[in-house]
N, C-alpha and C. Protein backbone atom coordinates (compact mmCIF):
# COMPACT_ATOMS: atom_id res chain seq x y z
N UNK A 1 -31.30 -101.66 -21.76
CA UNK A 1 -31.34 -100.28 -21.28
C UNK A 1 -30.56 -99.39 -22.23
N UNK A 2 -31.13 -98.17 -22.38
CA UNK A 2 -30.45 -97.22 -23.25
C UNK A 2 -29.40 -96.45 -22.48
N UNK A 3 -28.34 -96.26 -23.15
CA UNK A 3 -27.28 -95.43 -22.54
C UNK A 3 -27.71 -93.98 -22.63
N UNK A 4 -28.08 -93.38 -21.41
CA UNK A 4 -28.58 -92.01 -21.39
C UNK A 4 -27.46 -90.98 -21.41
N UNK A 5 -26.22 -91.45 -21.22
CA UNK A 5 -25.11 -90.47 -21.19
C UNK A 5 -24.89 -89.88 -22.56
N UNK A 6 -24.77 -88.59 -22.62
CA UNK A 6 -24.56 -87.88 -23.87
C UNK A 6 -23.47 -86.82 -23.71
N UNK A 7 -22.94 -86.46 -24.81
CA UNK A 7 -21.96 -85.37 -24.80
C UNK A 7 -22.67 -84.05 -24.46
N UNK A 8 -22.01 -83.18 -23.75
CA UNK A 8 -22.65 -81.88 -23.43
C UNK A 8 -23.06 -81.18 -24.70
N UNK A 9 -24.26 -80.69 -24.62
CA UNK A 9 -24.77 -80.01 -25.79
C UNK A 9 -24.15 -78.61 -25.93
N UNK A 10 -23.92 -78.27 -27.12
CA UNK A 10 -23.39 -76.92 -27.40
C UNK A 10 -24.43 -76.15 -28.17
N UNK A 11 -24.47 -74.85 -27.92
CA UNK A 11 -25.46 -74.01 -28.57
C UNK A 11 -25.17 -73.94 -30.05
N UNK A 12 -26.21 -74.08 -30.79
CA UNK A 12 -26.06 -73.96 -32.22
C UNK A 12 -26.05 -72.50 -32.70
N UNK A 13 -26.34 -71.58 -31.70
CA UNK A 13 -26.33 -70.17 -32.07
C UNK A 13 -24.93 -69.63 -31.91
N UNK A 14 -24.32 -69.33 -32.97
CA UNK A 14 -22.95 -68.78 -32.92
C UNK A 14 -23.00 -67.33 -32.49
N UNK A 15 -22.00 -66.91 -31.74
CA UNK A 15 -21.97 -65.49 -31.33
C UNK A 15 -22.02 -64.60 -32.55
N UNK A 16 -22.78 -63.52 -32.36
CA UNK A 16 -22.94 -62.60 -33.50
C UNK A 16 -21.71 -61.74 -33.65
N UNK A 17 -21.18 -61.78 -34.81
CA UNK A 17 -20.02 -60.94 -35.08
C UNK A 17 -20.49 -59.61 -35.63
N UNK A 18 -20.09 -58.52 -35.01
CA UNK A 18 -20.57 -57.23 -35.48
C UNK A 18 -20.20 -57.02 -36.92
N UNK A 19 -21.17 -56.64 -37.66
CA UNK A 19 -20.91 -56.31 -39.04
C UNK A 19 -20.26 -54.96 -39.15
N UNK A 20 -19.90 -54.59 -40.34
CA UNK A 20 -19.22 -53.31 -40.52
C UNK A 20 -20.03 -52.15 -39.99
N UNK A 21 -21.37 -52.15 -40.19
CA UNK A 21 -22.19 -51.02 -39.74
C UNK A 21 -22.29 -50.98 -38.24
N UNK A 22 -22.56 -52.14 -37.62
CA UNK A 22 -22.70 -52.21 -36.16
C UNK A 22 -21.40 -51.89 -35.46
N UNK A 23 -20.29 -52.47 -35.92
CA UNK A 23 -18.99 -52.20 -35.31
C UNK A 23 -18.57 -50.76 -35.47
N UNK A 24 -18.88 -50.15 -36.61
CA UNK A 24 -18.51 -48.74 -36.82
C UNK A 24 -19.22 -47.83 -35.86
N UNK A 25 -20.49 -48.15 -35.55
CA UNK A 25 -21.25 -47.32 -34.60
C UNK A 25 -20.62 -47.37 -33.23
N UNK A 26 -20.18 -48.60 -32.81
CA UNK A 26 -19.54 -48.72 -31.50
C UNK A 26 -18.26 -47.91 -31.45
N UNK A 27 -17.47 -47.96 -32.48
CA UNK A 27 -16.21 -47.23 -32.50
C UNK A 27 -16.44 -45.73 -32.44
N UNK A 28 -17.46 -45.28 -33.22
CA UNK A 28 -17.74 -43.84 -33.21
C UNK A 28 -18.21 -43.38 -31.84
N UNK A 29 -19.05 -44.20 -31.19
CA UNK A 29 -19.53 -43.84 -29.84
C UNK A 29 -18.37 -43.78 -28.85
N UNK A 30 -17.48 -44.77 -28.90
CA UNK A 30 -16.32 -44.76 -28.00
C UNK A 30 -15.44 -43.56 -28.26
N UNK A 31 -15.29 -43.19 -29.52
CA UNK A 31 -14.44 -42.04 -29.88
C UNK A 31 -15.03 -40.75 -29.32
N UNK A 32 -16.39 -40.64 -29.43
CA UNK A 32 -17.03 -39.44 -28.88
C UNK A 32 -16.86 -39.37 -27.37
N UNK A 33 -16.98 -40.51 -26.69
CA UNK A 33 -16.82 -40.52 -25.24
C UNK A 33 -15.41 -40.09 -24.84
N UNK A 34 -14.41 -40.52 -25.59
CA UNK A 34 -13.04 -40.12 -25.30
C UNK A 34 -12.87 -38.63 -25.47
N UNK A 35 -13.42 -38.10 -26.57
CA UNK A 35 -13.33 -36.66 -26.80
C UNK A 35 -14.05 -35.87 -25.72
N UNK A 36 -15.25 -36.36 -25.31
CA UNK A 36 -16.01 -35.69 -24.27
C UNK A 36 -15.23 -35.66 -22.97
N UNK A 37 -14.63 -36.79 -22.58
CA UNK A 37 -13.84 -36.84 -21.35
C UNK A 37 -12.65 -35.90 -21.41
N UNK A 38 -12.00 -35.84 -22.58
CA UNK A 38 -10.86 -34.94 -22.75
C UNK A 38 -11.27 -33.49 -22.64
N UNK A 39 -12.44 -33.13 -23.22
CA UNK A 39 -12.93 -31.76 -23.15
C UNK A 39 -13.26 -31.37 -21.72
N UNK A 40 -13.91 -32.28 -20.97
CA UNK A 40 -14.24 -32.00 -19.57
C UNK A 40 -12.99 -31.79 -18.75
N UNK A 41 -11.95 -32.59 -19.03
CA UNK A 41 -10.70 -32.43 -18.29
C UNK A 41 -10.09 -31.07 -18.55
N UNK A 42 -10.15 -30.63 -19.83
CA UNK A 42 -9.62 -29.30 -20.14
C UNK A 42 -10.40 -28.21 -19.44
N UNK A 43 -11.74 -28.31 -19.44
CA UNK A 43 -12.57 -27.32 -18.76
C UNK A 43 -12.29 -27.28 -17.28
N UNK A 44 -12.12 -28.44 -16.66
CA UNK A 44 -11.83 -28.48 -15.22
C UNK A 44 -10.51 -27.81 -14.92
N UNK A 45 -9.51 -28.05 -15.78
CA UNK A 45 -8.22 -27.42 -15.57
C UNK A 45 -8.29 -25.92 -15.72
N UNK A 46 -9.02 -25.43 -16.74
CA UNK A 46 -9.15 -23.98 -16.93
C UNK A 46 -9.91 -23.36 -15.78
N UNK A 47 -10.93 -24.04 -15.29
CA UNK A 47 -11.70 -23.47 -14.18
C UNK A 47 -10.88 -23.32 -12.94
N UNK A 48 -9.98 -24.26 -12.64
CA UNK A 48 -9.16 -24.16 -11.44
C UNK A 48 -8.21 -22.99 -11.53
N UNK A 49 -7.74 -22.69 -12.75
CA UNK A 49 -6.80 -21.59 -12.89
C UNK A 49 -7.49 -20.26 -12.94
N UNK A 50 -8.82 -20.21 -13.05
CA UNK A 50 -9.52 -18.95 -13.20
C UNK A 50 -10.27 -18.55 -11.96
N UNK A 51 -9.88 -19.08 -10.82
CA UNK A 51 -10.47 -18.59 -9.59
C UNK A 51 -11.39 -19.58 -8.91
N UNK A 52 -11.24 -20.86 -9.13
CA UNK A 52 -12.03 -21.84 -8.42
C UNK A 52 -11.58 -21.90 -6.98
N UNK A 53 -12.41 -22.46 -6.07
CA UNK A 53 -12.02 -22.51 -4.65
C UNK A 53 -10.66 -23.14 -4.47
N UNK A 54 -9.80 -22.47 -3.71
CA UNK A 54 -8.46 -22.98 -3.44
C UNK A 54 -7.42 -22.42 -4.37
N UNK A 55 -7.83 -21.74 -5.45
CA UNK A 55 -6.87 -21.15 -6.37
C UNK A 55 -6.61 -19.71 -5.96
N UNK A 56 -5.34 -19.36 -5.74
CA UNK A 56 -4.99 -18.01 -5.31
C UNK A 56 -4.91 -17.10 -6.52
N UNK A 57 -5.67 -16.01 -6.51
CA UNK A 57 -5.60 -15.03 -7.57
C UNK A 57 -5.52 -13.65 -6.95
N UNK A 58 -4.90 -12.72 -7.68
CA UNK A 58 -4.72 -11.38 -7.15
C UNK A 58 -6.04 -10.65 -7.01
N UNK A 59 -7.04 -11.02 -7.84
CA UNK A 59 -8.30 -10.30 -7.80
C UNK A 59 -9.08 -10.59 -6.52
N UNK A 60 -8.79 -11.70 -5.86
CA UNK A 60 -9.50 -12.02 -4.63
C UNK A 60 -8.81 -11.47 -3.39
N UNK A 61 -7.62 -10.86 -3.57
CA UNK A 61 -6.90 -10.30 -2.43
C UNK A 61 -7.45 -8.93 -2.10
N UNK A 62 -7.99 -8.71 -0.88
CA UNK A 62 -8.56 -7.41 -0.55
C UNK A 62 -7.49 -6.33 -0.52
N UNK A 63 -7.79 -5.17 -1.13
CA UNK A 63 -6.84 -4.07 -1.14
C UNK A 63 -7.00 -3.21 0.10
N UNK A 64 -5.89 -2.60 0.53
CA UNK A 64 -5.93 -1.76 1.70
C UNK A 64 -6.58 -0.44 1.34
N UNK A 65 -7.47 0.08 2.23
CA UNK A 65 -8.14 1.34 1.96
C UNK A 65 -7.17 2.50 1.89
N UNK A 66 -7.52 3.50 1.09
CA UNK A 66 -6.67 4.67 0.95
C UNK A 66 -7.45 5.93 1.31
N UNK A 67 -6.71 6.94 1.70
CA UNK A 67 -7.28 8.23 2.01
C UNK A 67 -6.40 9.32 1.44
N UNK A 68 -6.53 10.54 1.96
CA UNK A 68 -5.75 11.66 1.43
C UNK A 68 -5.33 12.59 2.56
N UNK A 69 -4.27 13.32 2.31
CA UNK A 69 -3.78 14.32 3.25
C UNK A 69 -3.79 15.68 2.56
N UNK A 70 -4.36 16.67 3.23
CA UNK A 70 -4.45 18.02 2.69
C UNK A 70 -3.51 18.92 3.49
N UNK A 71 -2.46 19.43 2.82
CA UNK A 71 -1.48 20.29 3.46
C UNK A 71 -1.83 21.76 3.18
N UNK A 72 -1.99 22.52 4.25
CA UNK A 72 -2.21 23.96 4.12
C UNK A 72 -0.95 24.67 4.60
N UNK A 73 -0.28 25.31 3.66
CA UNK A 73 1.03 25.93 3.94
C UNK A 73 0.88 27.44 3.95
N UNK A 74 1.22 28.06 5.07
CA UNK A 74 1.18 29.52 5.19
C UNK A 74 2.57 30.07 4.93
N UNK A 75 2.71 30.80 3.81
CA UNK A 75 3.97 31.44 3.45
C UNK A 75 3.94 32.89 3.94
N UNK A 76 4.99 33.32 4.61
CA UNK A 76 5.01 34.71 5.08
C UNK A 76 5.43 35.65 3.94
N UNK A 77 5.06 36.92 4.04
CA UNK A 77 5.60 37.88 3.08
C UNK A 77 7.09 38.08 3.36
N UNK A 78 7.84 38.50 2.39
CA UNK A 78 9.28 38.71 2.60
C UNK A 78 9.49 39.87 3.58
N UNK A 79 10.48 39.79 4.47
CA UNK A 79 11.29 38.60 4.68
C UNK A 79 10.58 37.60 5.59
N UNK A 80 10.88 36.32 5.48
CA UNK A 80 10.24 35.32 6.34
C UNK A 80 10.66 35.48 7.80
N UNK A 81 9.99 34.72 8.66
CA UNK A 81 10.33 34.74 10.07
C UNK A 81 11.75 34.26 10.32
N UNK A 82 12.23 34.48 11.49
CA UNK A 82 13.63 34.21 11.79
C UNK A 82 13.98 32.72 11.74
N UNK A 83 12.97 31.81 11.91
CA UNK A 83 13.28 30.39 11.90
C UNK A 83 13.47 29.85 10.49
N UNK A 84 12.94 30.56 9.51
CA UNK A 84 13.07 30.13 8.13
C UNK A 84 13.92 31.15 7.39
N UNK A 85 15.06 30.75 6.85
CA UNK A 85 15.92 31.70 6.15
C UNK A 85 15.20 32.39 5.00
N UNK A 86 15.59 33.62 4.73
CA UNK A 86 14.93 34.41 3.70
C UNK A 86 15.06 33.78 2.32
N UNK A 87 16.04 32.90 2.14
CA UNK A 87 16.28 32.30 0.84
C UNK A 87 15.33 31.15 0.52
N UNK A 88 14.46 30.78 1.44
CA UNK A 88 13.57 29.64 1.19
C UNK A 88 12.65 29.92 0.02
N UNK A 89 12.73 29.10 -1.01
CA UNK A 89 11.92 29.27 -2.21
C UNK A 89 11.01 28.08 -2.49
N UNK A 90 11.19 27.00 -1.79
CA UNK A 90 10.33 25.83 -2.00
C UNK A 90 10.44 24.90 -0.80
N UNK A 91 9.46 24.05 -0.68
CA UNK A 91 9.49 23.02 0.36
C UNK A 91 9.16 21.68 -0.29
N UNK A 92 9.73 20.62 0.26
CA UNK A 92 9.44 19.27 -0.20
C UNK A 92 8.68 18.51 0.86
N UNK A 93 7.64 17.81 0.46
CA UNK A 93 6.81 17.03 1.38
C UNK A 93 7.00 15.55 1.07
N UNK A 94 7.30 14.77 2.08
CA UNK A 94 7.43 13.32 1.94
C UNK A 94 6.53 12.66 2.98
N UNK A 95 5.60 11.84 2.54
CA UNK A 95 4.73 11.09 3.44
C UNK A 95 5.15 9.62 3.37
N UNK A 96 5.39 9.04 4.53
CA UNK A 96 5.90 7.66 4.56
C UNK A 96 5.14 6.81 5.56
N UNK A 97 5.11 5.52 5.28
CA UNK A 97 4.56 4.52 6.19
C UNK A 97 5.71 3.66 6.64
N UNK A 98 6.07 3.76 7.91
CA UNK A 98 7.29 3.16 8.44
C UNK A 98 8.48 3.76 7.67
N UNK A 99 9.18 2.97 6.89
CA UNK A 99 10.31 3.52 6.14
C UNK A 99 10.03 3.54 4.63
N UNK A 100 8.79 3.26 4.25
CA UNK A 100 8.43 3.21 2.84
C UNK A 100 7.75 4.53 2.45
N UNK A 101 8.26 5.17 1.40
CA UNK A 101 7.68 6.43 0.94
C UNK A 101 6.36 6.17 0.24
N UNK A 102 5.31 6.87 0.69
CA UNK A 102 3.98 6.71 0.11
C UNK A 102 3.68 7.80 -0.92
N UNK A 103 4.22 9.01 -0.72
CA UNK A 103 3.96 10.11 -1.65
C UNK A 103 4.98 11.21 -1.42
N UNK A 104 5.27 11.96 -2.47
CA UNK A 104 6.17 13.11 -2.39
C UNK A 104 5.58 14.26 -3.19
N UNK A 105 5.90 15.48 -2.78
CA UNK A 105 5.42 16.66 -3.48
C UNK A 105 6.35 17.83 -3.18
N UNK A 106 6.70 18.59 -4.23
CA UNK A 106 7.49 19.81 -4.06
C UNK A 106 6.58 21.00 -4.32
N UNK A 107 6.62 21.98 -3.43
CA UNK A 107 5.76 23.16 -3.53
C UNK A 107 6.65 24.40 -3.60
N UNK A 108 6.53 25.16 -4.67
CA UNK A 108 7.28 26.41 -4.80
C UNK A 108 6.56 27.54 -4.07
N UNK A 109 7.35 28.45 -3.57
CA UNK A 109 6.79 29.57 -2.81
C UNK A 109 6.12 30.58 -3.74
N UNK A 110 4.88 30.98 -3.42
CA UNK A 110 4.23 32.03 -4.23
C UNK A 110 5.00 33.34 -4.12
N UNK A 111 4.99 34.12 -5.18
CA UNK A 111 5.77 35.36 -5.20
C UNK A 111 5.37 36.31 -4.09
N UNK A 112 4.07 36.38 -3.79
CA UNK A 112 3.58 37.32 -2.78
C UNK A 112 3.30 36.64 -1.44
N UNK A 113 3.73 35.41 -1.28
CA UNK A 113 3.42 34.69 -0.05
C UNK A 113 1.98 34.21 -0.07
N UNK A 114 1.37 34.12 1.09
CA UNK A 114 -0.01 33.63 1.17
C UNK A 114 -0.07 32.17 1.54
N UNK A 115 -1.10 31.49 1.05
CA UNK A 115 -1.32 30.08 1.43
C UNK A 115 -1.33 29.17 0.21
N UNK A 116 -0.70 28.03 0.36
CA UNK A 116 -0.75 26.97 -0.66
C UNK A 116 -1.49 25.78 -0.07
N UNK A 117 -2.36 25.18 -0.87
CA UNK A 117 -3.11 24.00 -0.44
C UNK A 117 -2.74 22.85 -1.38
N UNK A 118 -2.17 21.81 -0.81
CA UNK A 118 -1.71 20.66 -1.57
C UNK A 118 -2.42 19.41 -1.06
N UNK A 119 -2.98 18.62 -1.97
CA UNK A 119 -3.66 17.37 -1.60
C UNK A 119 -2.88 16.18 -2.15
N UNK A 120 -2.54 15.27 -1.27
CA UNK A 120 -1.87 14.03 -1.66
C UNK A 120 -2.88 12.90 -1.55
N UNK A 121 -3.18 12.28 -2.69
CA UNK A 121 -4.21 11.24 -2.74
C UNK A 121 -3.61 9.84 -2.67
N UNK A 122 -4.49 8.87 -2.51
CA UNK A 122 -4.13 7.44 -2.53
C UNK A 122 -3.06 7.09 -1.50
N UNK A 123 -3.19 7.65 -0.32
CA UNK A 123 -2.27 7.31 0.77
C UNK A 123 -2.82 6.11 1.52
N UNK A 124 -1.97 5.15 1.90
CA UNK A 124 -2.45 3.99 2.64
C UNK A 124 -2.97 4.39 4.01
N UNK A 125 -4.05 3.78 4.43
CA UNK A 125 -4.62 4.10 5.73
C UNK A 125 -3.70 3.62 6.85
N UNK A 126 -3.71 4.35 7.95
CA UNK A 126 -2.88 4.00 9.09
C UNK A 126 -2.12 5.20 9.62
N UNK A 127 -1.17 4.91 10.50
CA UNK A 127 -0.34 5.97 11.11
C UNK A 127 0.86 6.24 10.22
N UNK A 128 0.89 7.39 9.58
CA UNK A 128 1.96 7.77 8.68
C UNK A 128 2.76 8.93 9.27
N UNK A 129 3.85 9.27 8.62
CA UNK A 129 4.70 10.40 9.03
C UNK A 129 4.91 11.32 7.85
N UNK A 130 4.71 12.62 8.06
CA UNK A 130 5.03 13.58 7.01
C UNK A 130 6.28 14.35 7.41
N UNK A 131 7.19 14.46 6.47
CA UNK A 131 8.45 15.19 6.67
C UNK A 131 8.51 16.32 5.65
N UNK A 132 8.69 17.54 6.14
CA UNK A 132 8.70 18.72 5.28
C UNK A 132 10.08 19.37 5.38
N UNK A 133 10.66 19.68 4.22
CA UNK A 133 12.00 20.26 4.15
C UNK A 133 11.97 21.55 3.35
N UNK A 134 12.62 22.61 3.87
CA UNK A 134 12.71 23.89 3.17
C UNK A 134 13.99 23.94 2.35
N UNK A 135 13.88 24.46 1.11
CA UNK A 135 15.02 24.55 0.20
C UNK A 135 15.23 25.99 -0.26
N UNK A 136 16.47 26.34 -0.59
CA UNK A 136 16.76 27.72 -1.02
C UNK A 136 16.42 28.00 -2.48
N UNK A 137 16.10 26.97 -3.26
CA UNK A 137 15.78 27.16 -4.67
C UNK A 137 14.44 26.52 -4.99
N UNK A 138 13.81 27.00 -6.06
CA UNK A 138 12.55 26.40 -6.51
C UNK A 138 12.80 24.97 -6.95
N UNK A 139 11.76 24.17 -6.88
CA UNK A 139 11.88 22.78 -7.31
C UNK A 139 12.54 21.87 -6.31
N UNK A 140 12.70 22.33 -5.06
CA UNK A 140 13.32 21.50 -4.03
C UNK A 140 14.81 21.30 -4.24
N UNK A 141 15.49 22.31 -4.76
CA UNK A 141 16.91 22.20 -5.04
C UNK A 141 17.74 22.97 -4.01
N UNK A 142 18.99 22.58 -3.88
CA UNK A 142 19.88 23.23 -2.94
C UNK A 142 20.00 22.49 -1.62
N UNK A 143 20.88 22.98 -0.77
CA UNK A 143 21.08 22.38 0.56
C UNK A 143 19.89 22.69 1.45
N UNK A 144 19.30 21.68 2.09
CA UNK A 144 18.14 21.93 2.97
C UNK A 144 18.44 22.98 4.03
N UNK A 145 17.46 23.89 4.21
CA UNK A 145 17.62 24.96 5.18
C UNK A 145 16.93 24.67 6.51
N UNK A 146 15.83 23.98 6.46
CA UNK A 146 15.06 23.68 7.67
C UNK A 146 14.16 22.50 7.38
N UNK A 147 13.71 21.87 8.45
CA UNK A 147 12.83 20.71 8.27
C UNK A 147 11.95 20.50 9.49
N UNK A 148 10.97 19.63 9.31
CA UNK A 148 10.07 19.27 10.41
C UNK A 148 9.33 18.00 10.07
N UNK A 149 8.97 17.24 11.10
CA UNK A 149 8.23 15.99 10.91
C UNK A 149 7.08 15.93 11.90
N UNK A 150 6.01 15.31 11.49
CA UNK A 150 4.86 15.15 12.39
C UNK A 150 4.08 13.91 11.98
N UNK A 151 3.39 13.28 12.92
CA UNK A 151 2.56 12.11 12.57
C UNK A 151 1.27 12.56 11.92
N UNK A 152 0.74 11.75 11.01
CA UNK A 152 -0.56 12.01 10.40
C UNK A 152 -1.29 10.68 10.24
N UNK A 153 -2.52 10.65 10.69
CA UNK A 153 -3.33 9.43 10.61
C UNK A 153 -4.24 9.51 9.39
N UNK A 154 -4.12 8.52 8.52
CA UNK A 154 -4.92 8.47 7.30
C UNK A 154 -6.05 7.46 7.48
N UNK A 155 -7.28 7.91 7.23
CA UNK A 155 -8.45 7.04 7.31
C UNK A 155 -8.99 6.82 5.91
N UNK A 156 -9.31 5.58 5.60
CA UNK A 156 -9.78 5.23 4.26
C UNK A 156 -10.99 6.06 3.86
N UNK A 157 -10.92 6.67 2.68
CA UNK A 157 -12.04 7.44 2.15
C UNK A 157 -12.20 8.81 2.75
N UNK A 158 -11.27 9.26 3.59
CA UNK A 158 -11.40 10.56 4.24
C UNK A 158 -10.14 11.40 4.02
N UNK A 159 -10.27 12.70 4.38
CA UNK A 159 -9.15 13.63 4.27
C UNK A 159 -8.61 13.97 5.66
N UNK A 160 -7.29 14.03 5.76
CA UNK A 160 -6.64 14.41 7.01
C UNK A 160 -5.90 15.73 6.77
N UNK A 161 -6.16 16.70 7.63
CA UNK A 161 -5.58 18.03 7.45
C UNK A 161 -4.23 18.13 8.16
N UNK A 162 -3.27 18.76 7.48
CA UNK A 162 -1.95 19.02 8.05
C UNK A 162 -1.66 20.51 7.86
N UNK A 163 -1.48 21.22 8.97
CA UNK A 163 -1.20 22.66 8.91
C UNK A 163 0.29 22.89 9.06
N UNK A 164 0.83 23.76 8.21
CA UNK A 164 2.26 24.06 8.22
C UNK A 164 2.44 25.56 8.05
N UNK A 165 3.20 26.16 8.94
CA UNK A 165 3.45 27.59 8.83
C UNK A 165 4.94 27.87 8.74
N UNK A 166 5.28 28.87 7.94
CA UNK A 166 6.67 29.27 7.79
C UNK A 166 6.91 30.64 8.41
N UNK A 167 5.91 31.15 9.13
CA UNK A 167 6.03 32.52 9.64
C UNK A 167 6.05 32.61 11.16
N UNK A 168 5.48 31.64 11.84
CA UNK A 168 5.32 31.76 13.29
C UNK A 168 6.54 31.27 14.04
N UNK A 169 6.66 31.71 15.27
CA UNK A 169 7.71 31.22 16.15
C UNK A 169 7.19 29.99 16.90
N UNK A 170 8.12 29.24 17.48
CA UNK A 170 7.76 28.01 18.19
C UNK A 170 7.07 28.33 19.50
N UNK A 171 5.95 27.67 19.73
CA UNK A 171 5.25 27.82 21.01
C UNK A 171 5.61 26.67 21.94
N UNK A 172 5.65 25.46 21.41
CA UNK A 172 6.03 24.29 22.21
C UNK A 172 6.40 23.15 21.29
N UNK A 173 6.90 22.08 21.89
CA UNK A 173 7.27 20.88 21.17
C UNK A 173 6.29 19.75 21.50
N UNK A 174 5.98 18.95 20.49
CA UNK A 174 5.12 17.78 20.68
C UNK A 174 5.96 16.54 20.42
N UNK A 175 6.06 15.65 21.44
CA UNK A 175 6.85 14.43 21.31
C UNK A 175 5.92 13.25 21.04
N UNK A 176 6.27 12.46 20.03
CA UNK A 176 5.51 11.26 19.68
C UNK A 176 6.40 10.03 19.80
N UNK A 177 5.93 8.95 20.49
CA UNK A 177 4.65 8.81 21.19
C UNK A 177 4.57 9.68 22.44
N UNK A 178 3.34 9.97 22.84
CA UNK A 178 3.13 10.93 23.94
C UNK A 178 3.61 10.38 25.28
N UNK A 179 3.44 9.09 25.52
CA UNK A 179 3.85 8.48 26.79
C UNK A 179 4.79 7.31 26.49
N UNK A 180 6.01 7.60 26.12
CA UNK A 180 6.92 6.51 25.70
C UNK A 180 7.32 5.61 26.86
N UNK A 181 7.38 4.32 26.58
CA UNK A 181 7.85 3.33 27.55
C UNK A 181 8.80 2.39 26.82
N UNK A 182 9.91 2.09 27.45
CA UNK A 182 10.88 1.20 26.83
C UNK A 182 11.49 0.30 27.89
N UNK A 183 11.69 -0.97 27.54
CA UNK A 183 12.30 -1.94 28.45
C UNK A 183 13.81 -1.82 28.35
N UNK A 184 14.49 -2.03 29.48
CA UNK A 184 15.93 -1.94 29.50
C UNK A 184 16.59 -2.79 28.43
N UNK A 185 17.50 -2.19 27.69
CA UNK A 185 18.18 -2.89 26.61
C UNK A 185 17.54 -2.71 25.25
N UNK A 186 16.27 -2.25 25.22
CA UNK A 186 15.59 -2.02 23.95
C UNK A 186 15.77 -0.58 23.50
N UNK A 187 15.35 -0.30 22.29
CA UNK A 187 15.42 1.07 21.76
C UNK A 187 14.02 1.52 21.35
N UNK A 188 13.81 2.81 21.37
CA UNK A 188 12.53 3.40 20.99
C UNK A 188 12.80 4.70 20.25
N UNK A 189 12.20 4.84 19.07
CA UNK A 189 12.40 6.05 18.28
C UNK A 189 11.36 7.09 18.66
N UNK A 190 11.83 8.31 18.93
CA UNK A 190 10.95 9.42 19.29
C UNK A 190 10.96 10.47 18.18
N UNK A 191 9.87 11.19 18.07
CA UNK A 191 9.75 12.27 17.09
C UNK A 191 9.35 13.55 17.81
N UNK A 192 10.07 14.63 17.59
CA UNK A 192 9.75 15.93 18.18
C UNK A 192 9.30 16.87 17.08
N UNK A 193 8.13 17.47 17.27
CA UNK A 193 7.57 18.39 16.28
C UNK A 193 7.41 19.76 16.92
N UNK A 194 8.01 20.77 16.31
CA UNK A 194 7.85 22.15 16.78
C UNK A 194 6.54 22.71 16.23
N UNK A 195 5.71 23.29 17.08
CA UNK A 195 4.43 23.84 16.66
C UNK A 195 4.26 25.24 17.21
N UNK A 196 3.39 26.02 16.55
CA UNK A 196 3.09 27.36 17.05
C UNK A 196 1.89 27.30 17.97
N UNK A 197 1.37 28.45 18.36
CA UNK A 197 0.27 28.49 19.32
C UNK A 197 -1.00 27.85 18.76
N UNK A 198 -1.17 27.84 17.45
CA UNK A 198 -2.37 27.25 16.85
C UNK A 198 -2.22 25.75 16.59
N UNK A 199 -1.01 25.21 16.82
CA UNK A 199 -0.78 23.79 16.60
C UNK A 199 -0.21 23.46 15.24
N UNK A 200 0.05 24.49 14.40
CA UNK A 200 0.64 24.25 13.09
C UNK A 200 2.13 23.94 13.23
N UNK A 201 2.62 23.02 12.39
CA UNK A 201 4.03 22.65 12.46
C UNK A 201 4.92 23.79 11.98
N UNK A 202 6.01 24.01 12.71
CA UNK A 202 6.99 25.04 12.37
C UNK A 202 8.29 24.35 11.98
N UNK A 203 8.81 24.71 10.83
CA UNK A 203 10.08 24.13 10.40
C UNK A 203 11.23 24.76 11.18
N UNK A 204 12.22 23.95 11.49
CA UNK A 204 13.38 24.43 12.23
C UNK A 204 14.64 24.07 11.46
N UNK A 205 15.67 24.88 11.65
CA UNK A 205 16.94 24.61 10.98
C UNK A 205 17.58 23.37 11.57
N UNK A 206 18.33 22.60 10.73
CA UNK A 206 19.01 21.41 11.26
C UNK A 206 19.90 21.74 12.44
N UNK A 207 19.78 20.97 13.51
CA UNK A 207 20.58 21.21 14.70
C UNK A 207 19.91 22.08 15.74
N UNK A 208 18.75 22.68 15.40
CA UNK A 208 18.05 23.52 16.38
C UNK A 208 17.47 22.69 17.53
N UNK A 209 17.08 21.47 17.23
CA UNK A 209 16.52 20.60 18.26
C UNK A 209 17.56 19.59 18.68
N UNK A 210 17.81 19.50 19.97
CA UNK A 210 18.79 18.54 20.51
C UNK A 210 18.12 17.70 21.58
N UNK A 211 18.45 16.41 21.58
CA UNK A 211 17.86 15.48 22.55
C UNK A 211 18.80 15.32 23.74
N UNK A 212 18.19 15.22 24.92
CA UNK A 212 18.98 14.94 26.13
C UNK A 212 18.08 14.18 27.10
N UNK A 213 18.69 13.54 28.09
CA UNK A 213 17.93 12.76 29.06
C UNK A 213 18.43 13.08 30.47
N UNK A 214 17.46 13.11 31.40
CA UNK A 214 17.82 13.37 32.79
C UNK A 214 18.54 12.17 33.40
N UNK A 215 18.38 10.99 32.77
CA UNK A 215 19.04 9.79 33.25
C UNK A 215 20.41 9.67 32.57
N UNK A 216 21.45 9.64 33.35
CA UNK A 216 22.80 9.60 32.78
C UNK A 216 23.05 8.35 31.97
N UNK A 217 22.37 7.25 32.29
CA UNK A 217 22.60 5.99 31.58
C UNK A 217 21.89 5.93 30.24
N UNK A 218 21.05 6.91 29.96
CA UNK A 218 20.26 6.90 28.71
C UNK A 218 20.91 7.85 27.70
């Protein structure tokens, strides 16, 4: 009998060793893939910083609408009315939102009196307050002679009219808010505006308006 057991056969085909040309192609391809991956990573990073979803940018933040206030100021001929000293030569206008000043303007008195129309643009929409102060010198200089404050509502894209007279006498006072309510222990700020019969704001000298309450505890 023949001994059928044999050593395991091994392949006579030796593994192909890449030649210089074949191996160089593989290396170049791998190098390109690395560069491509690196470029994509850079693009992804730049895209995230330029407004991709989840990236906060100022350009995506909606801006608050703005409007304007038009002040019509009636100056009396000399001498002015008794509530405004004859020395008044200018008034200063300050429009504020809460305690933040939104706009300011100084208006000099025309030589012959008459009406001045002043427009303040780019005011934030909402409930604002305008404060007007009379000064004895042009340019808003000197010790304030009289003042007045009133609420003004600014609507985005629209004009709100504010009438101011320096010649009329006071017809009544307007208190804001109109129906104030306050809980015991809390505080509430009130604003009193002197107006004439037409509803135009009248400036008053400091100390002319005094607050009092019928409740002794208030």
